[in-house]
Amino acid sequence: MMNVAINTQNTDQLLTEAQASEVLQIGVRTLQGWRVRGQGPKYRKLGRAVRYSRNELTEWADRQTVGSTSEQVAQ
């Protein structure tokens, strides 16, 4: 993955796919697949551009916490 500098001063900034993938430490293609399937974190469409809120990424990731492999993850 590319190393993308992200401004940490503004915690609710809008991030590109590449920046969001760095925050979550997953691939851009994974984010794209989740969008197609209606999974993953919420995002915004600004014309053709896809943007993710840093706060929503953090909140979504926090909801993915489970205690065992038999637990369902809350979407």
PDB file of N, CA and C in Angstrom:
ATOM      1  N   MET A   1       0.836  -1.178   0.000  1.00  0.00           N
ATOM      2  CA  MET A   1       0.000   0.000   0.000  1.00  0.00           C
ATOM      3  C   MET A   1       0.881   1.242   0.000  1.00  0.00           C
ATOM      4  N   MET A   2       0.360   2.296  -0.600  1.00  0.00           N
ATOM      5  CA  MET A   2       1.136   3.530  -0.644  1.00  0.00           C
ATOM      6  C   MET A   2       1.088   4.233   0.701  1.00  0.00           C
ATOM      7  N   ASN A   3       2.121   4.981   0.988  1.00  0.00           N
ATOM      8  CA  ASN A   3       2.188   5.746   2.222  1.00  0.00           C
ATOM      9  C   ASN A   3       1.551   7.108   1.961  1.00  0.00           C
ATOM     10  N   VAL A   4       0.405   7.383   2.604  1.00  0.00           N
ATOM     11  CA  VAL A   4      -0.351   8.601   2.369  1.00  0.00           C
ATOM     12  C   VAL A   4      -0.330   9.448   3.636  1.00  0.00           C
ATOM     13  N   ALA A   5       0.101  10.695   3.515  1.00  0.00           N
ATOM     14  CA  ALA A   5       0.104  11.605   4.664  1.00  0.00           C
ATOM     15  C   ALA A   5      -1.321  12.059   4.932  1.00  0.00           C
ATOM     16  N   ILE A   6      -1.752  11.936   6.172  1.00  0.00           N
ATOM     17  CA  ILE A   6      -3.110  12.307   6.553  1.00  0.00           C
ATOM     18  C   ILE A   6      -3.046  13.345   7.654  1.00  0.00           C
ATOM     19  N   ASN A   7      -3.791  14.429   7.488  1.00  0.00           N
ATOM     20  CA  ASN A   7      -3.848  15.491   8.484  1.00  0.00           C
ATOM     21  C   ASN A   7      -4.570  14.978   9.722  1.00  0.00           C
ATOM     22  N   THR A   8      -3.870  14.908  10.855  1.00  0.00           N
ATOM     23  CA  THR A   8      -4.476  14.413  12.085  1.00  0.00           C
ATOM     24  C   THR A   8      -5.125  15.522  12.893  1.00  0.00           C
ATOM     25  N   GLN A   9      -5.042  16.779  12.455  1.00  0.00           N
ATOM     26  CA  GLN A   9      -5.657  17.893  13.166  1.00  0.00           C
ATOM     27  C   GLN A   9      -7.182  17.855  13.045  1.00  0.00           C
ATOM     28  N   ASN A  10      -7.692  17.519  11.872  1.00  0.00           N
ATOM     29  CA  ASN A  10      -9.127  17.494  11.624  1.00  0.00           C
ATOM     30  C   ASN A  10      -9.611  16.050  11.686  1.00  0.00           C
ATOM     31  N   THR A  11     -10.260  15.671  12.793  1.00  0.00           N
ATOM     32  CA  THR A  11     -10.648  14.276  12.977  1.00  0.00           C
ATOM     33  C   THR A  11     -11.854  13.875  12.139  1.00  0.00           C
ATOM     34  N   ASP A  12     -12.610  14.833  11.616  1.00  0.00           N
ATOM     35  CA  ASP A  12     -13.767  14.468  10.790  1.00  0.00           C
ATOM     36  C   ASP A  12     -13.548  14.842   9.331  1.00  0.00           C
ATOM     37  N   GLN A  13     -12.316  14.757   8.880  1.00  0.00           N
ATOM     38  CA  GLN A  13     -12.037  15.079   7.487  1.00  0.00           C
ATOM     39  C   GLN A  13     -12.552  13.975   6.568  1.00  0.00           C
ATOM     40  N   LEU A  14     -12.755  14.327   5.316  1.00  0.00           N
ATOM     41  CA  LEU A  14     -13.154  13.355   4.313  1.00  0.00           C
ATOM     42  C   LEU A  14     -11.898  12.786   3.671  1.00  0.00           C
ATOM     43  N   LEU A  15     -11.849  11.465   3.574  1.00  0.00           N
ATOM     44  CA  LEU A  15     -10.668  10.771   3.069  1.00  0.00           C
ATOM     45  C   LEU A  15     -10.952  10.112   1.730  1.00  0.00           C
ATOM     46  N   THR A  16      -9.942  10.025   0.899  1.00  0.00           N
ATOM     47  CA  THR A  16     -10.035   9.282  -0.358  1.00  0.00           C
ATOM     48  C   THR A  16     -10.043   7.790  -0.052  1.00  0.00           C
ATOM     49  N   GLU A  17     -10.289   6.984  -1.078  1.00  0.00           N
ATOM     50  CA  GLU A  17     -10.218   5.524  -0.905  1.00  0.00           C
ATOM     51  C   GLU A  17      -8.844   5.100  -0.388  1.00  0.00           C
ATOM     52  N   ALA A  18      -7.800   5.662  -0.978  1.00  0.00           N
ATOM     53  CA  ALA A  18      -6.434   5.284  -0.583  1.00  0.00           C
ATOM     54  C   ALA A  18      -6.181   5.640   0.872  1.00  0.00           C
ATOM     55  N   GLN A  19      -6.624   6.813   1.303  1.00  0.00           N
ATOM     56  CA  GLN A  19      -6.427   7.222   2.693  1.00  0.00           C
ATOM     57  C   GLN A  19      -7.252   6.349   3.637  1.00  0.00           C
ATOM     58  N   ALA A  20      -8.496   6.052   3.259  1.00  0.00           N
ATOM     59  CA  ALA A  20      -9.348   5.199   4.090  1.00  0.00           C
ATOM     60  C   ALA A  20      -8.758   3.796   4.212  1.00  0.00           C
ATOM     61  N   SER A  21      -8.196   3.279   3.127  1.00  0.00           N
ATOM     62  CA  SER A  21      -7.597   1.944   3.191  1.00  0.00           C
ATOM     63  C   SER A  21      -6.377   1.948   4.113  1.00  0.00           C
ATOM     64  N   GLU A  22      -5.644   3.056   4.154  1.00  0.00           N
ATOM     65  CA  GLU A  22      -4.505   3.174   5.074  1.00  0.00           C
ATOM     66  C   GLU A  22      -4.986   3.215   6.526  1.00  0.00           C
ATOM     67  N   VAL A  23      -6.055   3.967   6.786  1.00  0.00           N
ATOM     68  CA  VAL A  23      -6.586   4.055   8.142  1.00  0.00           C
ATOM     69  C   VAL A  23      -7.018   2.675   8.635  1.00  0.00           C
ATOM     70  N   LEU A  24      -7.729   1.929   7.774  1.00  0.00           N
ATOM     71  CA  LEU A  24      -8.229   0.608   8.156  1.00  0.00           C
ATOM     72  C   LEU A  24      -7.191  -0.499   7.939  1.00  0.00           C
ATOM     73  N   GLN A  25      -6.115  -0.179   7.245  1.00  0.00           N
ATOM     74  CA  GLN A  25      -5.057  -1.120   6.895  1.00  0.00           C
ATOM     75  C   GLN A  25      -5.608  -2.324   6.126  1.00  0.00           C
ATOM     76  N   ILE A  26      -6.389  -1.982   5.090  1.00  0.00           N
ATOM     77  CA  ILE A  26      -6.925  -2.974   4.160  1.00  0.00           C
ATOM     78  C   ILE A  26      -6.706  -2.438   2.753  1.00  0.00           C
ATOM     79  N   GLY A  27      -6.942  -3.260   1.764  1.00  0.00           N
ATOM     80  CA  GLY A  27      -6.750  -2.843   0.385  1.00  0.00           C
ATOM     81  C   GLY A  27      -7.887  -1.987  -0.152  1.00  0.00           C
ATOM     82  N   VAL A  28      -7.562  -1.132  -1.110  1.00  0.00           N
ATOM     83  CA  VAL A  28      -8.570  -0.315  -1.779  1.00  0.00           C
ATOM     84  C   VAL A  28      -9.597  -1.221  -2.444  1.00  0.00           C
ATOM     85  N   ARG A  29      -9.141  -2.312  -3.035  1.00  0.00           N
ATOM     86  CA  ARG A  29     -10.064  -3.252  -3.707  1.00  0.00           C
ATOM     87  C   ARG A  29     -11.050  -3.865  -2.711  1.00  0.00           C
ATOM     88  N   THR A  30     -10.633  -4.063  -1.470  1.00  0.00           N
ATOM     89  CA  THR A  30     -11.544  -4.567  -0.438  1.00  0.00           C
ATOM     90  C   THR A  30     -12.643  -3.546  -0.184  1.00  0.00           C
ATOM     91  N   LEU A  31     -12.278  -2.272  -0.038  1.00  0.00           N
ATOM     92  CA  LEU A  31     -13.285  -1.218   0.139  1.00  0.00           C
ATOM     93  C   LEU A  31     -14.250  -1.186  -1.043  1.00  0.00           C
ATOM     94  N   GLN A  32     -13.718  -1.293  -2.248  1.00  0.00           N
ATOM     95  CA  GLN A  32     -14.556  -1.273  -3.445  1.00  0.00           C
ATOM     96  C   GLN A  32     -15.523  -2.456  -3.452  1.00  0.00           C
ATOM     97  N   GLY A  33     -15.044  -3.627  -3.083  1.00  0.00           N
ATOM     98  CA  GLY A  33     -15.900  -4.815  -3.023  1.00  0.00           C
ATOM     99  C   GLY A  33     -16.999  -4.665  -1.988  1.00  0.00           C
ATOM    100  N   TRP A  34     -16.655  -4.109  -0.834  1.00  0.00           N
ATOM    101  CA  TRP A  34     -17.659  -3.888   0.205  1.00  0.00           C
ATOM    102  C   TRP A  34     -18.745  -2.951  -0.288  1.00  0.00           C
ATOM    103  N   ARG A  35     -18.365  -1.896  -1.010  1.00  0.00           N
ATOM    104  CA  ARG A  35     -19.372  -0.956  -1.532  1.00  0.00           C
ATOM    105  C   ARG A  35     -20.311  -1.655  -2.498  1.00  0.00           C
ATOM    106  N   VAL A  36     -19.778  -2.477  -3.374  1.00  0.00           N
ATOM    107  CA  VAL A  36     -20.601  -3.194  -4.350  1.00  0.00           C
ATOM    108  C   VAL A  36     -21.609  -4.102  -3.639  1.00  0.00           C
ATOM    109  N   ARG A  37     -21.164  -4.738  -2.550  1.00  0.00           N
ATOM    110  CA  ARG A  37     -22.021  -5.668  -1.807  1.00  0.00           C
ATOM    111  C   ARG A  37     -22.846  -4.997  -0.708  1.00  0.00           C
ATOM    112  N   GLY A  38     -22.709  -3.684  -0.543  1.00  0.00           N
ATOM    113  CA  GLY A  38     -23.450  -2.979   0.497  1.00  0.00           C
ATOM    114  C   GLY A  38     -22.918  -3.266   1.891  1.00  0.00           C
ATOM    115  N   GLN A  39     -21.642  -3.570   2.007  1.00  0.00           N
ATOM    116  CA  GLN A  39     -21.012  -3.855   3.288  1.00  0.00           C
ATOM    117  C   GLN A  39     -20.019  -2.746   3.614  1.00  0.00           C
ATOM    118  N   GLY A  40     -19.359  -2.885   4.737  1.00  0.00           N
ATOM    119  CA  GLY A  40     -18.291  -1.957   5.078  1.00  0.00           C
ATOM    120  C   GLY A  40     -18.794  -0.630   5.602  1.00  0.00           C
ATOM    121  N   PRO A  41     -17.868   0.297   5.774  1.00  0.00           N
ATOM    122  CA  PRO A  41     -18.225   1.609   6.331  1.00  0.00           C
ATOM    123  C   PRO A  41     -19.024   2.452   5.343  1.00  0.00           C
ATOM    124  N   LYS A  42     -19.799   3.389   5.894  1.00  0.00           N
ATOM    125  CA  LYS A  42     -20.558   4.322   5.055  1.00  0.00           C
ATOM    126  C   LYS A  42     -19.583   5.219   4.303  1.00  0.00           C
ATOM    127  N   TYR A  43     -20.027   5.680   3.157  1.00  0.00           N
ATOM    128  CA  TYR A  43     -19.192   6.546   2.328  1.00  0.00           C
ATOM    129  C   TYR A  43     -20.060   7.599   1.667  1.00  0.00           C
ATOM    130  N   ARG A  44     -19.408   8.569   1.069  1.00  0.00           N
ATOM    131  CA  ARG A  44     -20.110   9.633   0.354  1.00  0.00           C
ATOM    132  C   ARG A  44     -19.690   9.622  -1.108  1.00  0.00           C
ATOM    133  N   LYS A  45     -20.622   9.927  -1.988  1.00  0.00           N
ATOM    134  CA  LYS A  45     -20.329  10.093  -3.411  1.00  0.00           C
ATOM    135  C   LYS A  45     -20.429  11.575  -3.714  1.00  0.00           C
ATOM    136  N   LEU A  46     -19.323  12.159  -4.125  1.00  0.00           N
ATOM    137  CA  LEU A  46     -19.274  13.570  -4.504  1.00  0.00           C
ATOM    138  C   LEU A  46     -18.967  13.598  -5.992  1.00  0.00           C
ATOM    139  N   GLY A  47     -20.029  13.586  -6.790  1.00  0.00           N
ATOM    140  CA  GLY A  47     -19.838  13.402  -8.224  1.00  0.00           C
ATOM    141  C   GLY A  47     -19.349  11.979  -8.447  1.00  0.00           C
ATOM    142  N   ARG A  48     -18.171  11.836  -9.046  1.00  0.00           N
ATOM    143  CA  ARG A  48     -17.586  10.516  -9.261  1.00  0.00           C
ATOM    144  C   ARG A  48     -16.656  10.103  -8.119  1.00  0.00           C
ATOM    145  N   ALA A  49     -16.346  11.050  -7.246  1.00  0.00           N
ATOM    146  CA  ALA A  49     -15.395  10.789  -6.160  1.00  0.00           C
ATOM    147  C   ALA A  49     -16.081  10.098  -4.985  1.00  0.00           C
ATOM    148  N   VAL A  50     -15.389   9.130  -4.405  1.00  0.00           N
ATOM    149  CA  VAL A  50     -15.841   8.431  -3.203  1.00  0.00           C
ATOM    150  C   VAL A  50     -15.017   8.960  -2.038  1.00  0.00           C
ATOM    151  N   ARG A  51     -15.691   9.337  -0.965  1.00  0.00           N
ATOM    152  CA  ARG A  51     -15.015   9.849   0.214  1.00  0.00           C
ATOM    153  C   ARG A  51     -15.566   9.176   1.470  1.00  0.00           C
ATOM    154  N   TYR A  52     -14.675   8.970   2.425  1.00  0.00           N
ATOM    155  CA  TYR A  52     -15.023   8.363   3.706  1.00  0.00           C
ATOM    156  C   TYR A  52     -14.751   9.365   4.821  1.00  0.00           C
ATOM    157  N   SER A  53     -15.661   9.461   5.783  1.00  0.00           N
ATOM    158  CA  SER A  53     -15.451  10.293   6.961  1.00  0.00           C
ATOM    159  C   SER A  53     -14.529   9.537   7.918  1.00  0.00           C
ATOM    160  N   ARG A  54     -13.497  10.210   8.402  1.00  0.00           N
ATOM    161  CA  ARG A  54     -12.583   9.572   9.351  1.00  0.00           C
ATOM    162  C   ARG A  54     -13.355   9.094  10.583  1.00  0.00           C
ATOM    163  N   ASN A  55     -14.291   9.912  11.089  1.00  0.00           N
ATOM    164  CA  ASN A  55     -15.070   9.518  12.266  1.00  0.00           C
ATOM    165  C   ASN A  55     -15.896   8.271  11.992  1.00  0.00           C
ATOM    166  N   GLU A  56     -16.536   8.204  10.840  1.00  0.00           N
ATOM    167  CA  GLU A  56     -17.353   7.035  10.505  1.00  0.00           C
ATOM    168  C   GLU A  56     -16.493   5.785  10.346  1.00  0.00           C
ATOM    169  N   LEU A  57     -15.286   5.928   9.797  1.00  0.00           N
ATOM    170  CA  LEU A  57     -14.378   4.785   9.692  1.00  0.00           C
ATOM    171  C   LEU A  57     -14.039   4.243  11.069  1.00  0.00           C
ATOM    172  N   THR A  58     -13.718   5.149  11.991  1.00  0.00           N
ATOM    173  CA  THR A  58     -13.358   4.741  13.346  1.00  0.00           C
ATOM    174  C   THR A  58     -14.541   4.082  14.051  1.00  0.00           C
ATOM    175  N   GLU A  59     -15.712   4.688  13.935  1.00  0.00           N
ATOM    176  CA  GLU A  59     -16.912   4.127  14.565  1.00  0.00           C
ATOM    177  C   GLU A  59     -17.254   2.770  13.976  1.00  0.00           C
ATOM    178  N   TRP A  60     -17.160   2.627  12.663  1.00  0.00           N
ATOM    179  CA  TRP A  60     -17.444   1.353  12.007  1.00  0.00           C
ATOM    180  C   TRP A  60     -16.456   0.283  12.483  1.00  0.00           C
ATOM    181  N   ALA A  61     -15.190   0.631  12.516  1.00  0.00           N
ATOM    182  CA  ALA A  61     -14.166  -0.332  12.947  1.00  0.00           C
ATOM    183  C   ALA A  61     -14.406  -0.753  14.399  1.00  0.00           C
ATOM    184  N   ASP A  62     -14.819   0.165  15.251  1.00  0.00           N
ATOM    185  CA  ASP A  62     -15.100  -0.164  16.646  1.00  0.00           C
ATOM    186  C   ASP A  62     -16.255  -1.156  16.762  1.00  0.00           C
ATOM    187  N   ARG A  63     -17.244  -1.053  15.874  1.00  0.00           N
ATOM    188  CA  ARG A  63     -18.390  -1.976  15.904  1.00  0.00           C
ATOM    189  C   ARG A  63     -18.023  -3.374  15.408  1.00  0.00           C
ATOM    190  N   GLN A  64     -16.849  -3.537  14.818  1.00  0.00           N
ATOM    191  CA  GLN A  64     -16.444  -4.833  14.284  1.00  0.00           C
ATOM    192  C   GLN A  64     -15.773  -5.717  15.335  1.00  0.00           C
ATOM    193  N   THR A  65     -15.687  -5.242  16.564  1.00  0.00           N
ATOM    194  CA  THR A  65     -15.035  -5.984  17.635  1.00  0.00           C
ATOM    195  C   THR A  65     -15.881  -7.187  18.051  1.00  0.00           C
ATOM    196  N   VAL A  66     -15.261  -8.357  18.086  1.00  0.00           N
ATOM    197  CA  VAL A  66     -15.929  -9.586  18.522  1.00  0.00           C
ATOM    198  C   VAL A  66     -15.030 -10.319  19.509  1.00  0.00           C
ATOM    199  N   GLY A  67     -15.622 -11.211  20.289  1.00  0.00           N
ATOM    200  CA  GLY A  67     -14.870 -11.957  21.280  1.00  0.00           C
ATOM    201  C   GLY A  67     -14.485 -13.352  20.843  1.00  0.00           C
ATOM    202  N   SER A  68     -15.172 -13.876  19.804  1.00  0.00           N
ATOM    203  CA  SER A  68     -14.835 -15.209  19.302  1.00  0.00           C
ATOM    204  C   SER A  68     -15.286 -15.333  17.850  1.00  0.00           C
ATOM    205  N   THR A  69     -14.847 -16.377  17.186  1.00  0.00           N
ATOM    206  CA  THR A  69     -15.200 -16.570  15.775  1.00  0.00           C
ATOM    207  C   THR A  69     -16.657 -16.932  15.579  1.00  0.00           C
ATOM    208  N   SER A  70     -17.355 -17.333  16.642  1.00  0.00           N
ATOM    209  CA  SER A  70     -18.782 -17.689  16.507  1.00  0.00           C
ATOM    210  C   SER A  70     -19.712 -16.496  16.686  1.00  0.00           C
ATOM    211  N   GLU A  71     -19.183 -15.345  17.076  1.00  0.00           N
ATOM    212  CA  GLU A  71     -20.004 -14.148  17.228  1.00  0.00           C
ATOM    213  C   GLU A  71     -20.279 -13.491  15.891  1.00  0.00           C
ATOM    214  N   GLN A  72     -21.472 -12.928  15.747  1.00  0.00           N
ATOM    215  CA  GLN A  72     -21.825 -12.145  14.570  1.00  0.00           C
ATOM    216  C   GLN A  72     -21.322 -10.725  14.761  1.00  0.00           C
ATOM    217  N   VAL A  73     -20.794 -10.126  13.709  1.00  0.00           N
ATOM    218  CA  VAL A  73     -20.372  -8.732  13.768  1.00  0.00           C
ATOM    219  C   VAL A  73     -21.568  -7.859  13.460  1.00  0.00           C
ATOM    220  N   ALA A  74     -21.793  -6.834  14.281  1.00  0.00           N
ATOM    221  CA  ALA A  74     -22.899  -5.885  14.066  1.00  0.00           C
ATOM    222  C   ALA A  74     -22.554  -4.994  12.884  1.00  0.00           C
ATOM    223  N   GLN A  75     -23.460  -4.845  11.941  1.00  0.00           N
ATOM    224  CA  GLN A  75     -23.234  -3.941  10.802  1.00  0.00           C
ATOM    225  C   GLN A  75     -23.868  -2.673  11.156  1.00  0.00           C
TER     226      GLN A  75
END
